[in-house]
């Protein structure tokens, strides 16, 4: 392969590596810009399944919703940092509303 062809191939390889590094760096910075709310809904120490959980905050255009799993656990991922009101609809009880702060890190 002539020297100029090797130089062109080397430049292409460097561009591909640089592009991959930039892609990985931007993915890491995006991951650090959100947080999550997670927890467990229990009654008498036992997780309660299929409970609706809603989080609303000024920094979100619309509320985020989740349901508890078979063990009572829930996760509301990818939330912008800020204060949220978290409402739990537990059958047979008054609706519970809690405040939660989502922080980075």
PDB file of N, CA and C in Angstrom:
ATOM      1  N   UNK A   1       0.859  -1.177   0.000  1.00  0.00           N
ATOM      2  CA  UNK A   1       0.000   0.000   0.000  1.00  0.00           C
ATOM      3  C   UNK A   1       0.901   1.234   0.000  1.00  0.00           C
ATOM      4  N   UNK A   2       0.648   2.199  -0.888  1.00  0.00           N
ATOM      5  CA  UNK A   2       1.445   3.430  -0.930  1.00  0.00           C
ATOM      6  C   UNK A   2       1.305   4.222   0.374  1.00  0.00           C
ATOM      7  N   UNK A   3       2.274   5.072   0.643  1.00  0.00           N
ATOM      8  CA  UNK A   3       2.290   5.859   1.875  1.00  0.00           C
ATOM      9  C   UNK A   3       1.043   6.711   2.018  1.00  0.00           C
ATOM     10  N   UNK A   4       0.571   7.324   0.935  1.00  0.00           N
ATOM     11  CA  UNK A   4      -0.620   8.179   1.027  1.00  0.00           C
ATOM     12  C   UNK A   4      -1.860   7.355   1.368  1.00  0.00           C
ATOM     13  N   UNK A   5      -1.961   6.139   0.861  1.00  0.00           N
ATOM     14  CA  UNK A   5      -3.104   5.270   1.183  1.00  0.00           C
ATOM     15  C   UNK A   5      -3.057   4.857   2.650  1.00  0.00           C
ATOM     16  N   UNK A   6      -1.841   4.577   3.175  1.00  0.00           N
ATOM     17  CA  UNK A   6      -1.700   4.234   4.597  1.00  0.00           C
ATOM     18  C   UNK A   6      -2.091   5.413   5.483  1.00  0.00           C
ATOM     19  N   UNK A   7      -1.710   6.615   5.074  1.00  0.00           N
ATOM     20  CA  UNK A   7      -2.064   7.806   5.847  1.00  0.00           C
ATOM     21  C   UNK A   7      -3.575   8.004   5.877  1.00  0.00           C
ATOM     22  N   UNK A   8      -4.232   7.810   4.741  1.00  0.00           N
ATOM     23  CA  UNK A   8      -5.689   7.949   4.678  1.00  0.00           C
ATOM     24  C   UNK A   8      -6.349   6.896   5.560  1.00  0.00           C
ATOM     25  N   UNK A   9      -5.866   5.655   5.506  1.00  0.00           N
ATOM     26  CA  UNK A   9      -6.423   4.584   6.342  1.00  0.00           C
ATOM     27  C   UNK A   9      -6.211   4.900   7.819  1.00  0.00           C
ATOM     28  N   UNK A  10      -5.037   5.441   8.160  1.00  0.00           N
ATOM     29  CA  UNK A  10      -4.758   5.806   9.552  1.00  0.00           C
ATOM     30  C   UNK A  10      -5.665   6.919  10.044  1.00  0.00           C
ATOM     31  N   UNK A  11      -5.909   7.902   9.185  1.00  0.00           N
ATOM     32  CA  UNK A  11      -6.802   9.009   9.548  1.00  0.00           C
ATOM     33  C   UNK A  11      -8.218   8.488   9.765  1.00  0.00           C
ATOM     34  N   UNK A  12      -8.693   7.597   8.896  1.00  0.00           N
ATOM     35  CA  UNK A  12     -10.038   7.025   9.059  1.00  0.00           C
ATOM     36  C   UNK A  12     -10.144   6.263  10.373  1.00  0.00           C
ATOM     37  N   UNK A  13      -9.104   5.463  10.684  1.00  0.00           N
ATOM     38  CA  UNK A  13      -9.112   4.691  11.927  1.00  0.00           C
ATOM     39  C   UNK A  13      -9.170   5.638  13.128  1.00  0.00           C
ATOM     40  N   UNK A  14      -8.371   6.703  13.112  1.00  0.00           N
ATOM     41  CA  UNK A  14      -8.370   7.676  14.215  1.00  0.00           C
ATOM     42  C   UNK A  14      -9.726   8.359  14.345  1.00  0.00           C
ATOM     43  N   UNK A  15     -10.363   8.671  13.220  1.00  0.00           N
ATOM     44  CA  UNK A  15     -11.691   9.290  13.267  1.00  0.00           C
ATOM     45  C   UNK A  15     -12.702   8.341  13.898  1.00  0.00           C
ATOM     46  N   UNK A  16     -12.605   7.051  13.543  1.00  0.00           N
ATOM     47  CA  UNK A  16     -13.535   6.066  14.125  1.00  0.00           C
ATOM     48  C   UNK A  16     -13.334   5.956  15.628  1.00  0.00           C
ATOM     49  N   UNK A  17     -12.077   5.896  16.071  1.00  0.00           N
ATOM     50  CA  UNK A  17     -11.788   5.812  17.503  1.00  0.00           C
ATOM     51  C   UNK A  17     -12.265   7.076  18.211  1.00  0.00           C
ATOM     52  N   UNK A  18     -11.983   8.246  17.637  1.00  0.00           N
ATOM     53  CA  UNK A  18     -12.426   9.511  18.228  1.00  0.00           C
ATOM     54  C   UNK A  18     -13.948   9.557  18.315  1.00  0.00           C
ATOM     55  N   UNK A  19     -14.627   9.137  17.242  1.00  0.00           N
ATOM     56  CA  UNK A  19     -16.093   9.110  17.255  1.00  0.00           C
ATOM     57  C   UNK A  19     -16.630   8.201  18.338  1.00  0.00           C
ATOM     58  N   UNK A  20     -16.018   7.030  18.512  1.00  0.00           N
ATOM     59  CA  UNK A  20     -16.460   6.098  19.551  1.00  0.00           C
ATOM     60  C   UNK A  20     -16.233   6.693  20.940  1.00  0.00           C
ATOM     61  N   UNK A  21     -15.093   7.353  21.144  1.00  0.00           N
ATOM     62  CA  UNK A  21     -14.816   7.979  22.446  1.00  0.00           C
ATOM     63  C   UNK A  21     -15.812   9.090  22.752  1.00  0.00           C
ATOM     64  N   UNK A  22     -16.126   9.913  21.770  1.00  0.00           N
ATOM     65  CA  UNK A  22     -17.100  10.989  21.982  1.00  0.00           C
ATOM     66  C   UNK A  22     -18.476  10.426  22.290  1.00  0.00           C
ATOM     67  N   UNK A  23     -18.851   9.354  21.613  1.00  0.00           N
ATOM     68  CA  UNK A  23     -20.139   8.723  21.858  1.00  0.00           C
ATOM     69  C   UNK A  23     -20.212   8.190  23.283  1.00  0.00           C
ATOM     70  N   UNK A  24     -19.158   7.517  23.739  1.00  0.00           N
ATOM     71  CA  UNK A  24     -19.138   6.986  25.102  1.00  0.00           C
ATOM     72  C   UNK A  24     -19.135   8.109  26.133  1.00  0.00           C
ATOM     73  N   UNK A  25     -18.391   9.175  25.873  1.00  0.00           N
ATOM     74  CA  UNK A  25     -18.346  10.293  26.816  1.00  0.00           C
ATOM     75  C   UNK A  25     -19.703  10.961  26.938  1.00  0.00           C
ATOM     76  N   UNK A  26     -20.396  11.145  25.822  1.00  0.00           N
ATOM     77  CA  UNK A  26     -21.704  11.796  25.897  1.00  0.00           C
ATOM     78  C   UNK A  26     -22.719  10.902  26.579  1.00  0.00           C
ATOM     79  N   UNK A  27     -22.636   9.592  26.393  1.00  0.00           N
ATOM     80  CA  UNK A  27     -23.559   8.679  27.070  1.00  0.00           C
ATOM     81  C   UNK A  27     -23.351   8.749  28.574  1.00  0.00           C
ATOM     82  N   UNK A  28     -22.093   8.843  29.013  1.00  0.00           N
ATOM     83  CA  UNK A  28     -21.823   8.944  30.442  1.00  0.00           C
ATOM     84  C   UNK A  28     -22.349  10.234  31.040  1.00  0.00           C
ATOM     85  N   UNK A  29     -22.211  11.338  30.314  1.00  0.00           N
ATOM     86  CA  UNK A  29     -22.699  12.609  30.849  1.00  0.00           C
ATOM     87  C   UNK A  29     -24.219  12.638  30.893  1.00  0.00           C
ATOM     88  N   UNK A  30     -24.889  11.992  29.947  1.00  0.00           N
ATOM     89  CA  UNK A  30     -26.348  11.929  29.990  1.00  0.00           C
ATOM     90  C   UNK A  30     -26.819  11.109  31.179  1.00  0.00           C
ATOM     91  N   UNK A  31     -26.119  10.036  31.469  1.00  0.00           N
ATOM     92  CA  UNK A  31     -26.519   9.169  32.573  1.00  0.00           C
ATOM     93  C   UNK A  31     -26.416   9.899  33.905  1.00  0.00           C
ATOM     94  N   UNK A  32     -25.542  10.876  34.017  1.00  0.00           N
ATOM     95  CA  UNK A  32     -25.348  11.585  35.268  1.00  0.00           C
ATOM     96  C   UNK A  32     -26.298  12.761  35.433  1.00  0.00           C
ATOM     97  N   UNK A  33     -27.161  13.015  34.478  1.00  0.00           N
ATOM     98  CA  UNK A  33     -28.047  14.162  34.561  1.00  0.00           C
ATOM     99  C   UNK A  33     -29.428  13.802  35.089  1.00  0.00           C
ATOM    100  N   UNK A  34     -29.654  12.556  35.429  1.00  0.00           N
ATOM    101  CA  UNK A  34     -30.949  12.132  35.953  1.00  0.00           C
ATOM    102  C   UNK A  34     -30.754  11.285  37.200  1.00  0.00           C
ATOM    103  N   UNK A  35     -31.828  11.135  37.934  1.00  0.00           N
ATOM    104  CA  UNK A  35     -31.836  10.283  39.112  1.00  0.00           C
ATOM    105  C   UNK A  35     -33.082   9.423  39.094  1.00  0.00           C
ATOM    106  N   UNK A  36     -33.405   8.815  40.230  1.00  0.00           N
ATOM    107  CA  UNK A  36     -34.592   7.967  40.284  1.00  0.00           C
ATOM    108  C   UNK A  36     -35.171   7.959  41.686  1.00  0.00           C
ATOM    109  N   UNK A  37     -36.431   7.586  41.743  1.00  0.00           N
ATOM    110  CA  UNK A  37     -37.102   7.345  43.017  1.00  0.00           C
ATOM    111  C   UNK A  37     -37.444   5.863  43.031  1.00  0.00           C
ATOM    112  N   UNK A  38     -37.059   5.189  44.092  1.00  0.00           N
ATOM    113  CA  UNK A  38     -37.395   3.777  44.218  1.00  0.00           C
ATOM    114  C   UNK A  38     -37.760   3.491  45.664  1.00  0.00           C
ATOM    115  N   UNK A  39     -38.529   2.458  45.853  1.00  0.00           N
ATOM    116  CA  UNK A  39     -38.939   2.114  47.207  1.00  0.00           C
ATOM    117  C   UNK A  39     -39.759   0.840  47.234  1.00  0.00           C
ATOM    118  N   UNK A  40     -40.309   0.566  48.402  1.00  0.00           N
ATOM    119  CA  UNK A  40     -41.135  -0.620  48.614  1.00  0.00           C
ATOM    120  C   UNK A  40     -42.396  -0.205  49.348  1.00  0.00           C
ATOM    121  N   UNK A  41     -43.535  -0.671  48.874  1.00  0.00           N
ATOM    122  CA  UNK A  41     -44.806  -0.440  49.554  1.00  0.00           C
ATOM    123  C   UNK A  41     -45.110  -1.702  50.352  1.00  0.00           C
ATOM    124  N   UNK A  42     -45.278  -1.532  51.670  1.00  0.00           N
ATOM    125  CA  UNK A  42     -45.527  -2.676  52.551  1.00  0.00           C
ATOM    126  C   UNK A  42     -46.780  -2.461  53.380  1.00  0.00           C
ATOM    127  N   UNK A  43     -47.390  -3.553  53.743  1.00  0.00           N
ATOM    128  CA  UNK A  43     -48.484  -3.555  54.707  1.00  0.00           C
ATOM    129  C   UNK A  43     -48.159  -4.658  55.707  1.00  0.00           C
ATOM    130  N   UNK A  44     -48.044  -4.281  56.977  1.00  0.00           N
ATOM    131  CA  UNK A  44     -47.682  -5.221  58.040  1.00  0.00           C
ATOM    132  C   UNK A  44     -46.382  -5.951  57.721  1.00  0.00           C
ATOM    133  N   UNK A  45     -45.415  -5.243  57.131  1.00  0.00           N
ATOM    134  CA  UNK A  45     -44.106  -5.817  56.853  1.00  0.00           C
ATOM    135  C   UNK A  45     -44.024  -6.682  55.611  1.00  0.00           C
ATOM    136  N   UNK A  46     -45.111  -6.776  54.853  1.00  0.00           N
ATOM    137  CA  UNK A  46     -45.135  -7.599  53.641  1.00  0.00           C
ATOM    138  C   UNK A  46     -45.343  -6.689  52.433  1.00  0.00           C
ATOM    139  N   UNK A  47     -44.542  -6.883  51.386  1.00  0.00           N
ATOM    140  CA  UNK A  47     -44.668  -6.083  50.172  1.00  0.00           C
ATOM    141  C   UNK A  47     -46.033  -6.251  49.528  1.00  0.00           C
ATOM    142  N   UNK A  48     -46.595  -5.145  49.032  1.00  0.00           N
ATOM    143  CA  UNK A  48     -47.923  -5.157  48.412  1.00  0.00           C
ATOM    144  C   UNK A  48     -47.754  -4.967  46.900  1.00  0.00           C
ATOM    145  N   UNK A  49     -48.279  -5.916  46.128  1.00  0.00           N
ATOM    146  CA  UNK A  49     -48.146  -5.884  44.668  1.00  0.00           C
ATOM    147  C   UNK A  49     -49.208  -5.005  44.019  1.00  0.00           C
ATOM    148  N   UNK A  50     -48.886  -4.521  42.833  1.00  0.00           N
ATOM    149  CA  UNK A  50     -49.820  -3.825  41.950  1.00  0.00           C
ATOM    150  C   UNK A  50     -50.383  -2.522  42.523  1.00  0.00           C
ATOM    151  N   UNK A  51     -49.552  -1.798  43.257  1.00  0.00           N
ATOM    152  CA  UNK A  51     -49.949  -0.494  43.800  1.00  0.00           C
ATOM    153  C   UNK A  51     -49.483   0.583  42.827  1.00  0.00           C
ATOM    154  N   UNK A  52     -50.363   1.514  42.509  1.00  0.00           N
ATOM    155  CA  UNK A  52     -50.008   2.618  41.624  1.00  0.00           C
ATOM    156  C   UNK A  52     -49.171   3.659  42.344  1.00  0.00           C
ATOM    157  N   UNK A  53     -48.082   4.077  41.706  1.00  0.00           N
ATOM    158  CA  UNK A  53     -47.187   5.094  42.248  1.00  0.00           C
ATOM    159  C   UNK A  53     -47.061   6.190  41.186  1.00  0.00           C
ATOM    160  N   UNK A  54     -47.293   7.440  41.594  1.00  0.00           N
ATOM    161  CA  UNK A  54     -47.223   8.570  40.661  1.00  0.00           C
ATOM    162  C   UNK A  54     -46.314   9.638  41.262  1.00  0.00           C
ATOM    163  N   UNK A  55     -45.348  10.103  40.467  1.00  0.00           N
ATOM    164  CA  UNK A  55     -44.463  11.188  40.896  1.00  0.00           C
ATOM    165  C   UNK A  55     -44.665  12.378  39.970  1.00  0.00           C
ATOM    166  N   UNK A  56     -44.873  13.557  40.558  1.00  0.00           N
ATOM    167  CA  UNK A  56     -45.046  14.786  39.787  1.00  0.00           C
ATOM    168  C   UNK A  56     -44.109  15.847  40.350  1.00  0.00           C
ATOM    169  N   UNK A  57     -43.515  16.620  39.457  1.00  0.00           N
ATOM    170  CA  UNK A  57     -42.621  17.683  39.883  1.00  0.00           C
ATOM    171  C   UNK A  57     -42.619  18.815  38.880  1.00  0.00           C
ATOM    172  N   UNK A  58     -42.199  19.981  39.330  1.00  0.00           N
ATOM    173  CA  UNK A  58     -42.191  21.166  38.466  1.00  0.00           C
ATOM    174  C   UNK A  58     -41.241  21.006  37.286  1.00  0.00           C
ATOM    175  N   UNK A  59     -40.215  20.178  37.436  1.00  0.00           N
ATOM    176  CA  UNK A  59     -39.230  20.022  36.364  1.00  0.00           C
ATOM    177  C   UNK A  59     -39.626  18.984  35.320  1.00  0.00           C
ATOM    178  N   UNK A  60     -40.773  18.327  35.507  1.00  0.00           N
ATOM    179  CA  UNK A  60     -41.234  17.311  34.550  1.00  0.00           C
ATOM    180  C   UNK A  60     -42.515  17.789  33.874  1.00  0.00           C
ATOM    181  N   UNK A  61     -42.629  17.623  32.557  1.00  0.00           N
ATOM    182  CA  UNK A  61     -43.828  18.082  31.854  1.00  0.00           C
ATOM    183  C   UNK A  61     -45.080  17.276  32.200  1.00  0.00           C
ATOM    184  N   UNK A  62     -44.906  16.022  32.556  1.00  0.00           N
ATOM    185  CA  UNK A  62     -46.059  15.191  32.922  1.00  0.00           C
ATOM    186  C   UNK A  62     -45.636  14.218  34.015  1.00  0.00           C
ATOM    187  N   UNK A  63     -46.590  13.745  34.819  1.00  0.00           N
ATOM    188  CA  UNK A  63     -46.253  12.831  35.910  1.00  0.00           C
ATOM    189  C   UNK A  63     -45.670  11.516  35.392  1.00  0.00           C
ATOM    190  N   UNK A  64     -44.823  10.893  36.207  1.00  0.00           N
ATOM    191  CA  UNK A  64     -44.283   9.561  35.918  1.00  0.00           C
ATOM    192  C   UNK A  64     -45.070   8.554  36.732  1.00  0.00           C
ATOM    193  N   UNK A  65     -45.362   7.425  36.123  1.00  0.00           N
ATOM    194  CA  UNK A  65     -46.175   6.404  36.780  1.00  0.00           C
ATOM    195  C   UNK A  65     -45.438   5.073  36.810  1.00  0.00           C
ATOM    196  N   UNK A  66     -45.706   4.311  37.864  1.00  0.00           N
ATOM    197  CA  UNK A  66     -45.157   2.959  37.995  1.00  0.00           C
ATOM    198  C   UNK A  66     -46.136   2.128  38.814  1.00  0.00           C
ATOM    199  N   UNK A  67     -45.909   0.830  38.831  1.00  0.00           N
ATOM    200  CA  UNK A  67     -46.690  -0.088  39.665  1.00  0.00           C
ATOM    201  C   UNK A  67     -45.704  -0.940  40.445  1.00  0.00           C
ATOM    202  N   UNK A  68     -46.085  -1.303  41.644  1.00  0.00           N
ATOM    203  CA  UNK A  68     -45.216  -2.165  42.433  1.00  0.00           C
ATOM    204  C   UNK A  68     -45.221  -3.574  41.846  1.00  0.00           C
ATOM    205  N   UNK A  69     -44.087  -4.266  42.013  1.00  0.00           N
ATOM    206  CA  UNK A  69     -43.992  -5.644  41.540  1.00  0.00           C
ATOM    207  C   UNK A  69     -44.528  -6.601  42.609  1.00  0.00           C
ATOM    208  N   UNK A  70     -44.302  -7.878  42.446  1.00  0.00           N
ATOM    209  CA  UNK A  70     -44.831  -8.894  43.363  1.00  0.00           C
ATOM    210  C   UNK A  70     -44.302  -8.737  44.786  1.00  0.00           C
ATOM    211  N   UNK A  71     -43.135  -8.103  44.945  1.00  0.00           N
ATOM    212  CA  UNK A  71     -42.558  -7.908  46.278  1.00  0.00           C
ATOM    213  C   UNK A  71     -42.836  -6.514  46.837  1.00  0.00           C
ATOM    214  N   UNK A  72     -43.604  -5.704  46.103  1.00  0.00           N
ATOM    215  CA  UNK A  72     -43.936  -4.357  46.559  1.00  0.00           C
ATOM    216  C   UNK A  72     -42.962  -3.284  46.124  1.00  0.00           C
ATOM    217  N   UNK A  73     -41.927  -3.654  45.355  1.00  0.00           N
ATOM    218  CA  UNK A  73     -40.912  -2.682  44.924  1.00  0.00           C
ATOM    219  C   UNK A  73     -41.356  -1.916  43.682  1.00  0.00           C
ATOM    220  N   UNK A  74     -40.902  -0.662  43.600  1.00  0.00           N
ATOM    221  CA  UNK A  74     -41.152   0.161  42.413  1.00  0.00           C
ATOM    222  C   UNK A  74     -39.930   1.019  42.129  1.00  0.00           C
ATOM    223  N   UNK A  75     -39.802   1.435  40.876  1.00  0.00           N
ATOM    224  CA  UNK A  75     -38.730   2.340  40.457  1.00  0.00           C
ATOM    225  C   UNK A  75     -39.291   3.326  39.443  1.00  0.00           C
ATOM    226  N   UNK A  76     -38.980   4.588  39.648  1.00  0.00           N
ATOM    227  CA  UNK A  76     -39.304   5.655  38.694  1.00  0.00           C
ATOM    228  C   UNK A  76     -37.962   6.202  38.202  1.00  0.00           C
ATOM    229  N   UNK A  77     -37.453   5.701  37.053  1.00  0.00           N
ATOM    230  CA  UNK A  77     -36.121   6.094  36.580  1.00  0.00           C
ATOM    231  C   UNK A  77     -36.130   7.378  35.756  1.00  0.00           C
ATOM    232  N   UNK A  78     -34.930   7.849  35.457  1.00  0.00           N
ATOM    233  CA  UNK A  78     -34.709   8.965  34.524  1.00  0.00           C
ATOM    234  C   UNK A  78     -35.463  10.236  34.907  1.00  0.00           C
ATOM    235  N   UNK A  79     -35.385  10.601  36.173  1.00  0.00           N
ATOM    236  CA  UNK A  79     -36.029  11.827  36.649  1.00  0.00           C
ATOM    237  C   UNK A  79     -35.008  12.955  36.706  1.00  0.00           C
ATOM    238  N   UNK A  80     -35.413  14.120  36.258  1.00  0.00           N
ATOM    239  CA  UNK A  80     -34.582  15.310  36.342  1.00  0.00           C
ATOM    240  C   UNK A  80     -34.471  15.688  37.821  1.00  0.00           C
ATOM    241  N   UNK A  81     -33.296  16.130  38.291  1.00  0.00           N
ATOM    242  CA  UNK A  81     -33.167  16.515  39.691  1.00  0.00           C
ATOM    243  C   UNK A  81     -34.192  17.573  40.089  1.00  0.00           C
ATOM    244  N   UNK A  82     -34.700  17.451  41.303  1.00  0.00           N
ATOM    245  CA  UNK A  82     -35.685  18.389  41.821  1.00  0.00           C
ATOM    246  C   UNK A  82     -36.559  17.727  42.866  1.00  0.00           C
ATOM    247  N   UNK A  83     -37.571  18.455  43.307  1.00  0.00           N
ATOM    248  CA  UNK A  83     -38.512  17.957  44.316  1.00  0.00           C
ATOM    249  C   UNK A  83     -39.732  17.364  43.627  1.00  0.00           C
ATOM    250  N   UNK A  84     -40.167  16.217  44.123  1.00  0.00           N
ATOM    251  CA  UNK A  84     -41.323  15.513  43.564  1.00  0.00           C
ATOM    252  C   UNK A  84     -42.317  15.190  44.666  1.00  0.00           C
ATOM    253  N   UNK A  85     -43.588  15.182  44.302  1.00  0.00           N
ATOM    254  CA  UNK A  85     -44.654  14.680  45.171  1.00  0.00           C
ATOM    255  C   UNK A  85     -44.961  13.279  44.682  1.00  0.00           C
ATOM    256  N   UNK A  86     -44.845  12.326  45.567  1.00  0.00           N
ATOM    257  CA  UNK A  86     -45.064  10.924  45.222  1.00  0.00           C
ATOM    258  C   UNK A  86     -46.352  10.474  45.888  1.00  0.00           C
ATOM    259  N   UNK A  87     -47.302  10.027  45.073  1.00  0.00           N
ATOM    260  CA  UNK A  87     -48.601   9.579  45.584  1.00  0.00           C
ATOM    261  C   UNK A  87     -48.704   8.066  45.440  1.00  0.00           C
ATOM    262  N   UNK A  88     -49.192   7.424  46.512  1.00  0.00           N
ATOM    263  CA  UNK A  88     -49.399   5.977  46.533  1.00  0.00           C
ATOM    264  C   UNK A  88     -50.875   5.700  46.748  1.00  0.00           C
ATOM    265  N   UNK A  89     -51.441   4.856  45.907  1.00  0.00           N
ATOM    266  CA  UNK A  89     -52.854   4.484  46.033  1.00  0.00           C
ATOM    267  C   UNK A  89     -52.930   3.068  46.596  1.00  0.00           C
ATOM    268  N   UNK A  90     -53.022   2.962  47.921  1.00  0.00           N
ATOM    269  CA  UNK A  90     -53.084   1.660  48.596  1.00  0.00           C
ATOM    270  C   UNK A  90     -54.541   1.353  48.917  1.00  0.00           C
ATOM    271  N   UNK A  91     -55.086   0.248  48.375  1.00  0.00           N
ATOM    272  CA  UNK A  91     -56.490  -0.092  48.638  1.00  0.00           C
ATOM    273  C   UNK A  91     -56.775  -0.224  50.137  1.00  0.00           C
ATOM    274  N   UNK A  92     -57.909   0.316  50.555  1.00  0.00           N
ATOM    275  CA  UNK A  92     -58.302   0.237  51.957  1.00  0.00           C
ATOM    276  C   UNK A  92     -57.650   1.281  52.843  1.00  0.00           C
ATOM    277  N   UNK A  93     -56.848   2.163  52.270  1.00  0.00           N
ATOM    278  CA  UNK A  93     -56.197   3.218  53.044  1.00  0.00           C
ATOM    279  C   UNK A  93     -56.356   4.541  52.309  1.00  0.00           C
ATOM    280  N   UNK A  94     -56.158   5.624  53.061  1.00  0.00           N
ATOM    281  CA  UNK A  94     -56.168   6.935  52.421  1.00  0.00           C
ATOM    282  C   UNK A  94     -54.978   7.027  51.476  1.00  0.00           C
ATOM    283  N   UNK A  95     -55.155   7.799  50.429  1.00  0.00           N
ATOM    284  CA  UNK A  95     -54.055   8.027  49.498  1.00  0.00           C
ATOM    285  C   UNK A  95     -52.901   8.681  50.245  1.00  0.00           C
ATOM    286  N   UNK A  96     -51.721   8.149  50.078  1.00  0.00           N
ATOM    287  CA  UNK A  96     -50.545   8.690  50.761  1.00  0.00           C
ATOM    288  C   UNK A  96     -49.746   9.558  49.797  1.00  0.00           C
ATOM    289  N   UNK A  97     -49.340  10.720  50.276  1.00  0.00           N
ATOM    290  CA  UNK A  97     -48.535  11.630  49.462  1.00  0.00           C
ATOM    291  C   UNK A  97     -47.271  11.959  50.245  1.00  0.00           C
ATOM    292  N   UNK A  98     -46.133  11.769  49.593  1.00  0.00           N
ATOM    293  CA  UNK A  98     -44.833  12.020  50.205  1.00  0.00           C
ATOM    294  C   UNK A  98     -44.040  12.963  49.316  1.00  0.00           C
ATOM    295  N   UNK A  99     -43.131  13.720  49.907  1.00  0.00           N
ATOM    296  CA  UNK A  99     -42.209  14.549  49.136  1.00  0.00           C
ATOM    297  C   UNK A  99     -40.886  13.813  49.017  1.00  0.00           C
ATOM    298  N   UNK A 100     -40.275  13.886  47.840  1.00  0.00           N
ATOM    299  CA  UNK A 100     -38.981  13.246  47.612  1.00  0.00           C
ATOM    300  C   UNK A 100     -38.109  14.180  46.789  1.00  0.00           C
ATOM    301  N   UNK A 101     -36.843  14.278  47.162  1.00  0.00           N
ATOM    302  CA  UNK A 101     -35.873  15.065  46.409  1.00  0.00           C
ATOM    303  C   UNK A 101     -35.019  14.121  45.574  1.00  0.00           C
ATOM    304  N   UNK A 102     -34.918  14.399  44.289  1.00  0.00           N
ATOM    305  CA  UNK A 102     -34.054  13.622  43.407  1.00  0.00           C
ATOM    306  C   UNK A 102     -32.766  14.416  43.228  1.00  0.00           C
ATOM    307  N   UNK A 103     -31.649  13.777  43.573  1.00  0.00           N
ATOM    308  CA  UNK A 103     -30.331  14.388  43.476  1.00  0.00           C
ATOM    309  C   UNK A 103     -29.473  13.581  42.517  1.00  0.00           C
ATOM    310  N   UNK A 104     -28.422  14.171  42.013  1.00  0.00           N
ATOM    311  CA  UNK A 104     -27.477  13.438  41.178  1.00  0.00           C
ATOM    312  C   UNK A 104     -26.464  12.740  42.060  1.00  0.00           C
ATOM    313  N   UNK A 105     -25.921  11.639  41.546  1.00  0.00           N
ATOM    314  CA  UNK A 105     -24.850  10.941  42.245  1.00  0.00           C
ATOM    315  C   UNK A 105     -25.386   9.884  43.068  1.00  0.00           C
TER     316      UNK A 105
END
